[in-house]
Each structure stands twice: as C-alpha cells, then as structure tokens.
Amino acid sequence: MLAGDLAALDRLLDDELVFTDQAGRTLGKADDLSAYRSGLLRLSRADILDRAIRMAGDDAAVVTLRAELAGRWDGTPFTAAFRYTRMWRRTDAGWRMLAAHCSGT
C-alpha cells in the first residue's frame, strides 16, 4: 500500500474481495486497485499498530489492526487513524484478502 505496488496488491487481494470503507461504501478489488493506479490515493506513511491474528482452521485467518496513515486523497493531504478487520484465506496462489472492513478511530 505504501509503495503503491499494484502487482503486489493484485497478488494479495482476492478476486472476490469485499471491502467496506470508513464511509460505509462497499468496494471490490478493481475499485481498490484503481485508487492506487489513478493516483487518487497516495500514502506517505502507514504505521501498523495493535495487530492481532486469529487463525480459523488451516486456511483462514482474521486480522485486526490499527493503522495511522498519512498521504493524499484526490490531491488533498490527510492524516488519520483507522481500525481494520481483514479476512484472509489460503489459496493455491498463497494468502489472499477476501474481506475487509475499515472504520475511523
């Protein structure tokens, strides 16, 4: 995310990704990648705090964390803190994020 590495993000995000953002919008993988590709979102700082990983069997995990982010959204500078819940699943291609939820702190 910090590097805006589209190839890495494409590998990590499941094709069926469902992401609910801090405004309550439901987005998919294409929406997430588009924000980086278009330059709509550019991060300059991403501090990950309070991360907890809970395994759900061998092929699924729920990750909760707090992130302090800084960057630009549509050219406007921002600094904000968010809480995330992410569900990951193991596939033949490796671990991929299937679902995520974000809220402001």
PDB file of N, CA and C in Angstrom:
ATOM      1  N   MET A   1       0.828  -1.192   0.000  1.00  0.00           N
ATOM      2  CA  MET A   1       0.000   0.000   0.000  1.00  0.00           C
ATOM      3  C   MET A   1       0.869   1.249   0.000  1.00  0.00           C
ATOM      4  N   LEU A   2       1.872   1.253   0.859  1.00  0.00           N
ATOM      5  CA  LEU A   2       2.742   2.428   0.979  1.00  0.00           C
ATOM      6  C   LEU A   2       3.503   2.676  -0.318  1.00  0.00           C
ATOM      7  N   ALA A   3       3.988   1.609  -0.934  1.00  0.00           N
ATOM      8  CA  ALA A   3       4.746   1.742  -2.181  1.00  0.00           C
ATOM      9  C   ALA A   3       3.826   1.904  -3.400  1.00  0.00           C
ATOM     10  N   GLY A   4       2.527   1.644  -3.216  1.00  0.00           N
ATOM     11  CA  GLY A   4       1.616   1.700  -4.357  1.00  0.00           C
ATOM     12  C   GLY A   4       1.935   0.617  -5.376  1.00  0.00           C
ATOM     13  N   ASP A   5       2.436  -0.523  -4.902  1.00  0.00           N
ATOM     14  CA  ASP A   5       2.860  -1.626  -5.761  1.00  0.00           C
ATOM     15  C   ASP A   5       1.634  -2.404  -6.250  1.00  0.00           C
ATOM     16  N   LEU A   6       1.179  -2.069  -7.455  1.00  0.00           N
ATOM     17  CA  LEU A   6      -0.037  -2.679  -7.988  1.00  0.00           C
ATOM     18  C   LEU A   6       0.095  -4.182  -8.195  1.00  0.00           C
ATOM     19  N   ALA A   7       1.266  -4.645  -8.622  1.00  0.00           N
ATOM     20  CA  ALA A   7       1.454  -6.084  -8.833  1.00  0.00           C
ATOM     21  C   ALA A   7       1.326  -6.843  -7.511  1.00  0.00           C
ATOM     22  N   ALA A   8       1.934  -6.312  -6.452  1.00  0.00           N
ATOM     23  CA  ALA A   8       1.844  -6.957  -5.140  1.00  0.00           C
ATOM     24  C   ALA A   8       0.415  -6.909  -4.612  1.00  0.00           C
ATOM     25  N   LEU A   9      -0.243  -5.772  -4.748  1.00  0.00           N
ATOM     26  CA  LEU A   9      -1.632  -5.666  -4.294  1.00  0.00           C
ATOM     27  C   LEU A   9      -2.532  -6.620  -5.066  1.00  0.00           C
ATOM     28  N   ASP A  10      -2.301  -6.750  -6.362  1.00  0.00           N
ATOM     29  CA  ASP A  10      -3.094  -7.656  -7.178  1.00  0.00           C
ATOM     30  C   ASP A  10      -2.946  -9.099  -6.697  1.00  0.00           C
ATOM     31  N   ARG A  11      -1.735  -9.476  -6.288  1.00  0.00           N
ATOM     32  CA  ARG A  11      -1.494 -10.834  -5.774  1.00  0.00           C
ATOM     33  C   ARG A  11      -2.140 -11.044  -4.407  1.00  0.00           C
ATOM     34  N   LEU A  12      -2.180 -10.012  -3.576  1.00  0.00           N
ATOM     35  CA  LEU A  12      -2.673 -10.151  -2.206  1.00  0.00           C
ATOM     36  C   LEU A  12      -4.194 -10.042  -2.079  1.00  0.00           C
ATOM     37  N   LEU A  13      -4.828  -9.338  -3.005  1.00  0.00           N
ATOM     38  CA  LEU A  13      -6.277  -9.155  -2.934  1.00  0.00           C
ATOM     39  C   LEU A  13      -6.979 -10.250  -3.718  1.00  0.00           C
ATOM     40  N   ASP A  14      -7.917 -10.930  -3.064  1.00  0.00           N
ATOM     41  CA  ASP A  14      -8.690 -11.962  -3.727  1.00  0.00           C
ATOM     42  C   ASP A  14      -9.574 -11.336  -4.795  1.00  0.00           C
ATOM     43  N   ASP A  15      -9.795 -12.052  -5.882  1.00  0.00           N
ATOM     44  CA  ASP A  15     -10.661 -11.534  -6.951  1.00  0.00           C
ATOM     45  C   ASP A  15     -12.069 -11.259  -6.448  1.00  0.00           C
ATOM     46  N   GLU A  16     -12.485 -11.943  -5.384  1.00  0.00           N
ATOM     47  CA  GLU A  16     -13.829 -11.775  -4.809  1.00  0.00           C
ATOM     48  C   GLU A  16     -13.844 -10.804  -3.626  1.00  0.00           C
ATOM     49  N   LEU A  17     -12.808 -10.004  -3.474  1.00  0.00           N
ATOM     50  CA  LEU A  17     -12.704  -9.081  -2.339  1.00  0.00           C
ATOM     51  C   LEU A  17     -13.963  -8.248  -2.151  1.00  0.00           C
ATOM     52  N   VAL A  18     -14.382  -8.139  -0.886  1.00  0.00           N
ATOM     53  CA  VAL A  18     -15.444  -7.219  -0.486  1.00  0.00           C
ATOM     54  C   VAL A  18     -14.835  -6.336   0.591  1.00  0.00           C
ATOM     55  N   PHE A  19     -14.747  -5.038   0.313  1.00  0.00           N
ATOM     56  CA  PHE A  19     -14.147  -4.086   1.245  1.00  0.00           C
ATOM     57  C   PHE A  19     -15.185  -3.034   1.596  1.00  0.00           C
ATOM     58  N   THR A  20     -15.491  -2.901   2.889  1.00  0.00           N
ATOM     59  CA  THR A  20     -16.373  -1.837   3.362  1.00  0.00           C
ATOM     60  C   THR A  20     -15.486  -0.762   3.950  1.00  0.00           C
ATOM     61  N   ASP A  21     -15.544   0.443   3.346  1.00  0.00           N
ATOM     62  CA  ASP A  21     -14.648   1.510   3.787  1.00  0.00           C
ATOM     63  C   ASP A  21     -15.247   2.312   4.941  1.00  0.00           C
ATOM     64  N   GLN A  22     -14.494   3.294   5.407  1.00  0.00           N
ATOM     65  CA  GLN A  22     -14.894   4.073   6.573  1.00  0.00           C
ATOM     66  C   GLN A  22     -16.157   4.899   6.336  1.00  0.00           C
ATOM     67  N   ALA A  23     -16.560   5.088   5.070  1.00  0.00           N
ATOM     68  CA  ALA A  23     -17.792   5.820   4.761  1.00  0.00           C
ATOM     69  C   ALA A  23     -18.971   4.868   4.554  1.00  0.00           C
ATOM     70  N   GLY A  24     -18.728   3.552   4.705  1.00  0.00           N
ATOM     71  CA  GLY A  24     -19.790   2.571   4.551  1.00  0.00           C
ATOM     72  C   GLY A  24     -19.991   2.094   3.129  1.00  0.00           C
ATOM     73  N   ARG A  25     -19.125   2.506   2.207  1.00  0.00           N
ATOM     74  CA  ARG A  25     -19.229   2.059   0.819  1.00  0.00           C
ATOM     75  C   ARG A  25     -18.656   0.650   0.700  1.00  0.00           C
ATOM     76  N   THR A  26     -19.261  -0.159  -0.163  1.00  0.00           N
ATOM     77  CA  THR A  26     -18.760  -1.494  -0.442  1.00  0.00           C
ATOM     78  C   THR A  26     -18.009  -1.448  -1.766  1.00  0.00           C
ATOM     79  N   LEU A  27     -16.749  -1.870  -1.719  1.00  0.00           N
ATOM     80  CA  LEU A  27     -15.880  -1.815  -2.887  1.00  0.00           C
ATOM     81  C   LEU A  27     -15.336  -3.204  -3.190  1.00  0.00           C
ATOM     82  N   GLY A  28     -14.849  -3.386  -4.397  1.00  0.00           N
ATOM     83  CA  GLY A  28     -14.230  -4.639  -4.793  1.00  0.00           C
ATOM     84  C   GLY A  28     -12.758  -4.446  -5.106  1.00  0.00           C
ATOM     85  N   LYS A  29     -12.150  -5.504  -5.562  1.00  0.00           N
ATOM     86  CA  LYS A  29     -10.726  -5.480  -5.876  1.00  0.00           C
ATOM     87  C   LYS A  29     -10.404  -4.421  -6.932  1.00  0.00           C
ATOM     88  N   ALA A  30     -11.183  -4.364  -7.997  1.00  0.00           N
ATOM     89  CA  ALA A  30     -10.931  -3.390  -9.063  1.00  0.00           C
ATOM     90  C   ALA A  30     -10.981  -1.959  -8.533  1.00  0.00           C
ATOM     91  N   ASP A  31     -11.913  -1.680  -7.617  1.00  0.00           N
ATOM     92  CA  ASP A  31     -12.016  -0.337  -7.029  1.00  0.00           C
ATOM     93  C   ASP A  31     -10.764  -0.002  -6.232  1.00  0.00           C
ATOM     94  N   ASP A  32     -10.303  -0.962  -5.435  1.00  0.00           N
ATOM     95  CA  ASP A  32      -9.128  -0.737  -4.600  1.00  0.00           C
ATOM     96  C   ASP A  32      -7.891  -0.484  -5.457  1.00  0.00           C
ATOM     97  N   LEU A  33      -7.683  -1.328  -6.448  1.00  0.00           N
ATOM     98  CA  LEU A  33      -6.526  -1.157  -7.320  1.00  0.00           C
ATOM     99  C   LEU A  33      -6.610   0.144  -8.112  1.00  0.00           C
ATOM    100  N   SER A  34      -7.790   0.527  -8.519  1.00  0.00           N
ATOM    101  CA  SER A  34      -7.984   1.758  -9.289  1.00  0.00           C
ATOM    102  C   SER A  34      -7.571   3.002  -8.498  1.00  0.00           C
ATOM    103  N   ALA A  35      -7.833   2.991  -7.194  1.00  0.00           N
ATOM    104  CA  ALA A  35      -7.464   4.148  -6.357  1.00  0.00           C
ATOM    105  C   ALA A  35      -5.956   4.385  -6.387  1.00  0.00           C
ATOM    106  N   TYR A  36      -5.189   3.308  -6.415  1.00  0.00           N
ATOM    107  CA  TYR A  36      -3.730   3.426  -6.490  1.00  0.00           C
ATOM    108  C   TYR A  36      -3.274   3.741  -7.913  1.00  0.00           C
ATOM    109  N   ARG A  37      -3.838   3.031  -8.887  1.00  0.00           N
ATOM    110  CA  ARG A  37      -3.440   3.194 -10.286  1.00  0.00           C
ATOM    111  C   ARG A  37      -3.667   4.624 -10.766  1.00  0.00           C
ATOM    112  N   SER A  38      -4.791   5.212 -10.393  1.00  0.00           N
ATOM    113  CA  SER A  38      -5.156   6.555 -10.857  1.00  0.00           C
ATOM    114  C   SER A  38      -4.445   7.662 -10.088  1.00  0.00           C
ATOM    115  N   GLY A  39      -3.852   7.318  -8.954  1.00  0.00           N
ATOM    116  CA  GLY A  39      -3.229   8.344  -8.122  1.00  0.00           C
ATOM    117  C   GLY A  39      -4.202   8.988  -7.156  1.00  0.00           C
ATOM    118  N   LEU A  40      -5.442   8.501  -7.123  1.00  0.00           N
ATOM    119  CA  LEU A  40      -6.429   9.035  -6.184  1.00  0.00           C
ATOM    120  C   LEU A  40      -5.914   8.914  -4.750  1.00  0.00           C
ATOM    121  N   LEU A  41      -5.298   7.773  -4.424  1.00  0.00           N
ATOM    122  CA  LEU A  41      -4.731   7.544  -3.102  1.00  0.00           C
ATOM    123  C   LEU A  41      -3.222   7.380  -3.219  1.00  0.00           C
ATOM    124  N   ARG A  42      -2.501   8.174  -2.459  1.00  0.00           N
ATOM    125  CA  ARG A  42      -1.043   8.061  -2.368  1.00  0.00           C
ATOM    126  C   ARG A  42      -0.676   8.157  -0.887  1.00  0.00           C
ATOM    127  N   LEU A  43      -0.119   7.075  -0.358  1.00  0.00           N
ATOM    128  CA  LEU A  43       0.279   7.059   1.046  1.00  0.00           C
ATOM    129  C   LEU A  43       1.744   7.453   1.193  1.00  0.00           C
ATOM    130  N   SER A  44       2.017   8.245   2.221  1.00  0.00           N
ATOM    131  CA  SER A  44       3.399   8.601   2.538  1.00  0.00           C
ATOM    132  C   SER A  44       3.829   7.980   3.878  1.00  0.00           C
ATOM    133  N   ARG A  45       2.843   7.522   4.659  1.00  0.00           N
ATOM    134  CA  ARG A  45       3.143   6.881   5.939  1.00  0.00           C
ATOM    135  C   ARG A  45       2.042   5.892   6.255  1.00  0.00           C
ATOM    136  N   ALA A  46       2.443   4.722   6.762  1.00  0.00           N
ATOM    137  CA  ALA A  46       1.488   3.700   7.194  1.00  0.00           C
ATOM    138  C   ALA A  46       2.089   2.983   8.395  1.00  0.00           C
ATOM    139  N   ASP A  47       1.689   3.396   9.578  1.00  0.00           N
ATOM    140  CA  ASP A  47       2.156   2.772  10.816  1.00  0.00           C
ATOM    141  C   ASP A  47       1.101   1.780  11.275  1.00  0.00           C
ATOM    142  N   ILE A  48       1.468   0.502  11.337  1.00  0.00           N
ATOM    143  CA  ILE A  48       0.548  -0.561  11.729  1.00  0.00           C
ATOM    144  C   ILE A  48       0.752  -0.854  13.215  1.00  0.00           C
ATOM    145  N   LEU A  49      -0.329  -0.763  13.986  1.00  0.00           N
ATOM    146  CA  LEU A  49      -0.285  -0.928  15.436  1.00  0.00           C
ATOM    147  C   LEU A  49      -1.335  -1.947  15.877  1.00  0.00           C
ATOM    148  N   ASP A  50      -1.147  -2.512  17.039  1.00  0.00           N
ATOM    149  CA  ASP A  50      -2.160  -3.377  17.668  1.00  0.00           C
ATOM    150  C   ASP A  50      -2.637  -4.505  16.770  1.00  0.00           C
ATOM    151  N   ARG A  51      -1.759  -5.088  15.990  1.00  0.00           N
ATOM    152  CA  ARG A  51      -2.167  -6.171  15.088  1.00  0.00           C
ATOM    153  C   ARG A  51      -2.368  -7.465  15.872  1.00  0.00           C
ATOM    154  N   ALA A  52      -3.483  -8.139  15.583  1.00  0.00           N
ATOM    155  CA  ALA A  52      -3.766  -9.451  16.172  1.00  0.00           C
ATOM    156  C   ALA A  52      -4.220 -10.377  15.049  1.00  0.00           C
ATOM    157  N   ILE A  53      -3.711 -11.598  15.062  1.00  0.00           N
ATOM    158  CA  ILE A  53      -4.058 -12.583  14.042  1.00  0.00           C
ATOM    159  C   ILE A  53      -4.727 -13.760  14.732  1.00  0.00           C
ATOM    160  N   ARG A  54      -5.907 -14.116  14.254  1.00  0.00           N
ATOM    161  CA  ARG A  54      -6.647 -15.254  14.802  1.00  0.00           C
ATOM    162  C   ARG A  54      -6.882 -16.244  13.674  1.00  0.00           C
ATOM    163  N   MET A  55      -6.295 -17.412  13.802  1.00  0.00           N
ATOM    164  CA  MET A  55      -6.464 -18.453  12.791  1.00  0.00           C
ATOM    165  C   MET A  55      -7.861 -19.057  12.912  1.00  0.00           C
ATOM    166  N   ALA A  56      -8.434 -19.387  11.764  1.00  0.00           N
ATOM    167  CA  ALA A  56      -9.727 -20.066  11.686  1.00  0.00           C
ATOM    168  C   ALA A  56      -9.493 -21.321  10.856  1.00  0.00           C
ATOM    169  N   GLY A  57      -8.970 -22.346  11.502  1.00  0.00           N
ATOM    170  CA  GLY A  57      -8.561 -23.543  10.782  1.00  0.00           C
ATOM    171  C   GLY A  57      -7.206 -23.315  10.134  1.00  0.00           C
ATOM    172  N   ASP A  58      -6.906 -24.117   9.125  1.00  0.00           N
ATOM    173  CA  ASP A  58      -5.615 -24.021   8.447  1.00  0.00           C
ATOM    174  C   ASP A  58      -5.619 -23.057   7.271  1.00  0.00           C
ATOM    175  N   ASP A  59      -6.807 -22.708   6.773  1.00  0.00           N
ATOM    176  CA  ASP A  59      -6.892 -21.966   5.526  1.00  0.00           C
ATOM    177  C   ASP A  59      -7.559 -20.606   5.625  1.00  0.00           C
ATOM    178  N   ALA A  60      -7.779 -20.112   6.847  1.00  0.00           N
ATOM    179  CA  ALA A  60      -8.411 -18.804   7.005  1.00  0.00           C
ATOM    180  C   ALA A  60      -7.863 -18.115   8.255  1.00  0.00           C
ATOM    181  N   ALA A  61      -7.815 -16.798   8.199  1.00  0.00           N
ATOM    182  CA  ALA A  61      -7.345 -16.015   9.340  1.00  0.00           C
ATOM    183  C   ALA A  61      -8.078 -14.682   9.362  1.00  0.00           C
ATOM    184  N   VAL A  62      -8.342 -14.196  10.568  1.00  0.00           N
ATOM    185  CA  VAL A  62      -8.908 -12.867  10.763  1.00  0.00           C
ATOM    186  C   VAL A  62      -7.826 -12.013  11.404  1.00  0.00           C
ATOM    187  N   VAL A  63      -7.573 -10.871  10.783  1.00  0.00           N
ATOM    188  CA  VAL A  63      -6.541  -9.953  11.269  1.00  0.00           C
ATOM    189  C   VAL A  63      -7.222  -8.646  11.654  1.00  0.00           C
ATOM    190  N   THR A  64      -6.954  -8.185  12.875  1.00  0.00           N
ATOM    191  CA  THR A  64      -7.423  -6.877  13.296  1.00  0.00           C
ATOM    192  C   THR A  64      -6.197  -6.009  13.548  1.00  0.00           C
ATOM    193  N   LEU A  65      -6.332  -4.726  13.252  1.00  0.00           N
ATOM    194  CA  LEU A  65      -5.209  -3.820  13.459  1.00  0.00           C
ATOM    195  C   LEU A  65      -5.680  -2.379  13.493  1.00  0.00           C
ATOM    196  N   ARG A  66      -4.789  -1.545  13.957  1.00  0.00           N
ATOM    197  CA  ARG A  66      -4.982  -0.096  13.916  1.00  0.00           C
ATOM    198  C   ARG A  66      -3.892   0.440  13.012  1.00  0.00           C
ATOM    199  N   ALA A  67      -4.248   1.361  12.123  1.00  0.00           N
ATOM    200  CA  ALA A  67      -3.273   1.949  11.210  1.00  0.00           C
ATOM    201  C   ALA A  67      -3.346   3.466  11.295  1.00  0.00           C
ATOM    202  N   GLU A  68      -2.198   4.078  11.445  1.00  0.00           N
ATOM    203  CA  GLU A  68      -2.086   5.531  11.351  1.00  0.00           C
ATOM    204  C   GLU A  68      -1.514   5.826   9.975  1.00  0.00           C
ATOM    205  N   LEU A  69      -2.311   6.484   9.147  1.00  0.00           N
ATOM    206  CA  LEU A  69      -1.953   6.731   7.761  1.00  0.00           C
ATOM    207  C   LEU A  69      -1.799   8.217   7.481  1.00  0.00           C
ATOM    208  N   ALA A  70      -0.930   8.533   6.542  1.00  0.00           N
ATOM    209  CA  ALA A  70      -0.787   9.898   6.038  1.00  0.00           C
ATOM    210  C   ALA A  70      -0.558   9.799   4.543  1.00  0.00           C
ATOM    211  N   GLY A  71      -1.021  10.795   3.834  1.00  0.00           N
ATOM    212  CA  GLY A  71      -0.835  10.808   2.393  1.00  0.00           C
ATOM    213  C   GLY A  71      -1.730  11.837   1.754  1.00  0.00           C
ATOM    214  N   ARG A  72      -2.162  11.512   0.549  1.00  0.00           N
ATOM    215  CA  ARG A  72      -3.052  12.397  -0.210  1.00  0.00           C
ATOM    216  C   ARG A  72      -4.216  11.585  -0.758  1.00  0.00           C
ATOM    217  N   TRP A  73      -5.401  12.138  -0.611  1.00  0.00           N
ATOM    218  CA  TRP A  73      -6.599  11.573  -1.216  1.00  0.00           C
ATOM    219  C   TRP A  73      -7.129  12.614  -2.187  1.00  0.00           C
ATOM    220  N   ASP A  74      -7.126  12.278  -3.448  1.00  0.00           N
ATOM    221  CA  ASP A  74      -7.580  13.195  -4.503  1.00  0.00           C
ATOM    222  C   ASP A  74      -6.836  14.533  -4.416  1.00  0.00           C
ATOM    223  N   GLY A  75      -5.538  14.449  -4.094  1.00  0.00           N
ATOM    224  CA  GLY A  75      -4.689  15.637  -4.036  1.00  0.00           C
ATOM    225  C   GLY A  75      -4.721  16.380  -2.716  1.00  0.00           C
ATOM    226  N   THR A  76      -5.618  15.998  -1.809  1.00  0.00           N
ATOM    227  CA  THR A  76      -5.747  16.683  -0.523  1.00  0.00           C
ATOM    228  C   THR A  76      -4.988  15.909   0.551  1.00  0.00           C
ATOM    229  N   PRO A  77      -4.061  16.573   1.252  1.00  0.00           N
ATOM    230  CA  PRO A  77      -3.312  15.877   2.301  1.00  0.00           C
ATOM    231  C   PRO A  77      -4.236  15.411   3.434  1.00  0.00           C
ATOM    232  N   PHE A  78      -3.903  14.270   4.018  1.00  0.00           N
ATOM    233  CA  PHE A  78      -4.654  13.782   5.164  1.00  0.00           C
ATOM    234  C   PHE A  78      -3.719  13.036   6.107  1.00  0.00           C
ATOM    235  N   THR A  79      -4.101  13.015   7.353  1.00  0.00           N
ATOM    236  CA  THR A  79      -3.515  12.174   8.388  1.00  0.00           C
ATOM    237  C   THR A  79      -4.697  11.641   9.181  1.00  0.00           C
ATOM    238  N   ALA A  80      -4.754  10.323   9.352  1.00  0.00           N
ATOM    239  CA  ALA A  80      -5.909   9.739  10.035  1.00  0.00           C
ATOM    240  C   ALA A  80      -5.537   8.388  10.618  1.00  0.00           C
ATOM    241  N   ALA A  81      -6.335   7.965  11.578  1.00  0.00           N
ATOM    242  CA  ALA A  81      -6.168   6.646  12.182  1.00  0.00           C
ATOM    243  C   ALA A  81      -7.419   5.826  11.882  1.00  0.00           C
ATOM    244  N   PHE A  82      -7.211   4.564  11.562  1.00  0.00           N
ATOM    245  CA  PHE A  82      -8.294   3.666  11.205  1.00  0.00           C
ATOM    246  C   PHE A  82      -8.130   2.334  11.917  1.00  0.00           C
ATOM    247  N   ARG A  83      -9.250   1.635  12.102  1.00  0.00           N
ATOM    248  CA  ARG A  83      -9.257   0.249  12.574  1.00  0.00           C
ATOM    249  C   ARG A  83      -9.682  -0.615  11.391  1.00  0.00           C
ATOM    250  N   TYR A  84      -9.010  -1.730  11.233  1.00  0.00           N
ATOM    251  CA  TYR A  84      -9.316  -2.652  10.145  1.00  0.00           C
ATOM    252  C   TYR A  84      -9.580  -4.044  10.710  1.00  0.00           C
ATOM    253  N   THR A  85     -10.515  -4.718  10.085  1.00  0.00           N
ATOM    254  CA  THR A  85     -10.693  -6.156  10.258  1.00  0.00           C
ATOM    255  C   THR A  85     -10.580  -6.735   8.866  1.00  0.00           C
ATOM    256  N   ARG A  86      -9.708  -7.725   8.720  1.00  0.00           N
ATOM    257  CA  ARG A  86      -9.471  -8.327   7.412  1.00  0.00           C
ATOM    258  C   ARG A  86      -9.562  -9.847   7.522  1.00  0.00           C
ATOM    259  N   MET A  87     -10.225 -10.445   6.555  1.00  0.00           N
ATOM    260  CA  MET A  87     -10.276 -11.902   6.493  1.00  0.00           C
ATOM    261  C   MET A  87      -9.407 -12.363   5.338  1.00  0.00           C
ATOM    262  N   TRP A  88      -8.494 -13.269   5.662  1.00  0.00           N
ATOM    263  CA  TRP A  88      -7.580 -13.830   4.675  1.00  0.00           C
ATOM    264  C   TRP A  88      -7.902 -15.299   4.483  1.00  0.00           C
ATOM    265  N   ARG A  89      -7.684 -15.790   3.253  1.00  0.00           N
ATOM    266  CA  ARG A  89      -7.825 -17.220   3.009  1.00  0.00           C
ATOM    267  C   ARG A  89      -6.614 -17.712   2.221  1.00  0.00           C
ATOM    268  N   ARG A  90      -6.250 -18.946   2.535  1.00  0.00           N
ATOM    269  CA  ARG A  90      -5.124 -19.559   1.831  1.00  0.00           C
ATOM    270  C   ARG A  90      -5.643 -20.164   0.529  1.00  0.00           C
ATOM    271  N   THR A  91      -4.996 -19.813  -0.566  1.00  0.00           N
ATOM    272  CA  THR A  91      -5.346 -20.363  -1.875  1.00  0.00           C
ATOM    273  C   THR A  91      -4.105 -21.034  -2.463  1.00  0.00           C
ATOM    274  N   ASP A  92      -4.249 -21.624  -3.628  1.00  0.00           N
ATOM    275  CA  ASP A  92      -3.088 -22.206  -4.307  1.00  0.00           C
ATOM    276  C   ASP A  92      -2.046 -21.142  -4.620  1.00  0.00           C
ATOM    277  N   ALA A  93      -2.483 -19.881  -4.749  1.00  0.00           N
ATOM    278  CA  ALA A  93      -1.576 -18.765  -5.055  1.00  0.00           C
ATOM    279  C   ALA A  93      -0.991 -18.132  -3.789  1.00  0.00           C
ATOM    280  N   GLY A  94      -1.383 -18.622  -2.611  1.00  0.00           N
ATOM    281  CA  GLY A  94      -0.908 -18.056  -1.344  1.00  0.00           C
ATOM    282  C   GLY A  94      -2.044 -17.395  -0.592  1.00  0.00           C
ATOM    283  N   TRP A  95      -1.692 -16.649   0.433  1.00  0.00           N
ATOM    284  CA  TRP A  95      -2.693 -15.959   1.255  1.00  0.00           C
ATOM    285  C   TRP A  95      -3.232 -14.761   0.492  1.00  0.00           C
ATOM    286  N   ARG A  96      -4.578 -14.637   0.477  1.00  0.00           N
ATOM    287  CA  ARG A  96      -5.236 -13.526  -0.220  1.00  0.00           C
ATOM    288  C   ARG A  96      -6.328 -12.951   0.668  1.00  0.00           C
ATOM    289  N   MET A  97      -6.473 -11.626   0.641  1.00  0.00           N
ATOM    290  CA  MET A  97      -7.501 -10.956   1.428  1.00  0.00           C
ATOM    291  C   MET A  97      -8.850 -11.094   0.735  1.00  0.00           C
ATOM    292  N   LEU A  98      -9.800 -11.685   1.446  1.00  0.00           N
ATOM    293  CA  LEU A  98     -11.138 -11.923   0.900  1.00  0.00           C
ATOM    294  C   LEU A  98     -12.124 -10.839   1.313  1.00  0.00           C
ATOM    295  N   ALA A  99     -11.986 -10.331   2.538  1.00  0.00           N
ATOM    296  CA  ALA A  99     -12.920  -9.326   3.045  1.00  0.00           C
ATOM    297  C   ALA A  99     -12.188  -8.387   3.983  1.00  0.00           C
ATOM    298  N   ALA A 100     -12.649  -7.137   4.004  1.00  0.00           N
ATOM    299  CA  ALA A 100     -12.064  -6.149   4.898  1.00  0.00           C
ATOM    300  C   ALA A 100     -13.118  -5.127   5.289  1.00  0.00           C
ATOM    301  N   HIS A 101     -12.957  -4.601   6.488  1.00  0.00           N
ATOM    302  CA  HIS A 101     -13.821  -3.540   6.996  1.00  0.00           C
ATOM    303  C   HIS A 101     -12.948  -2.492   7.644  1.00  0.00           C
ATOM    304  N   CYS A 102     -13.237  -1.242   7.396  1.00  0.00           N
ATOM    305  CA  CYS A 102     -12.454  -0.131   7.933  1.00  0.00           C
ATOM    306  C   CYS A 102     -13.379   0.845   8.654  1.00  0.00           C
ATOM    307  N   SER A 103     -12.916   1.346   9.774  1.00  0.00           N
ATOM    308  CA  SER A 103     -13.662   2.410  10.472  1.00  0.00           C
ATOM    309  C   SER A 103     -12.663   3.408  11.021  1.00  0.00           C
ATOM    310  N   GLY A 104     -13.097   4.646  11.136  1.00  0.00           N
ATOM    311  CA  GLY A 104     -12.257   5.676  11.735  1.00  0.00           C
ATOM    312  C   GLY A 104     -12.156   5.469  13.230  1.00  0.00           C
ATOM    313  N   THR A 105     -11.063   5.952  13.818  1.00  0.00           N
ATOM    314  CA  THR A 105     -10.923   5.820  15.264  1.00  0.00           C
ATOM    315  C   THR A 105     -11.126   7.165  15.941  1.00  0.00           C
TER     316      THR A 105
END
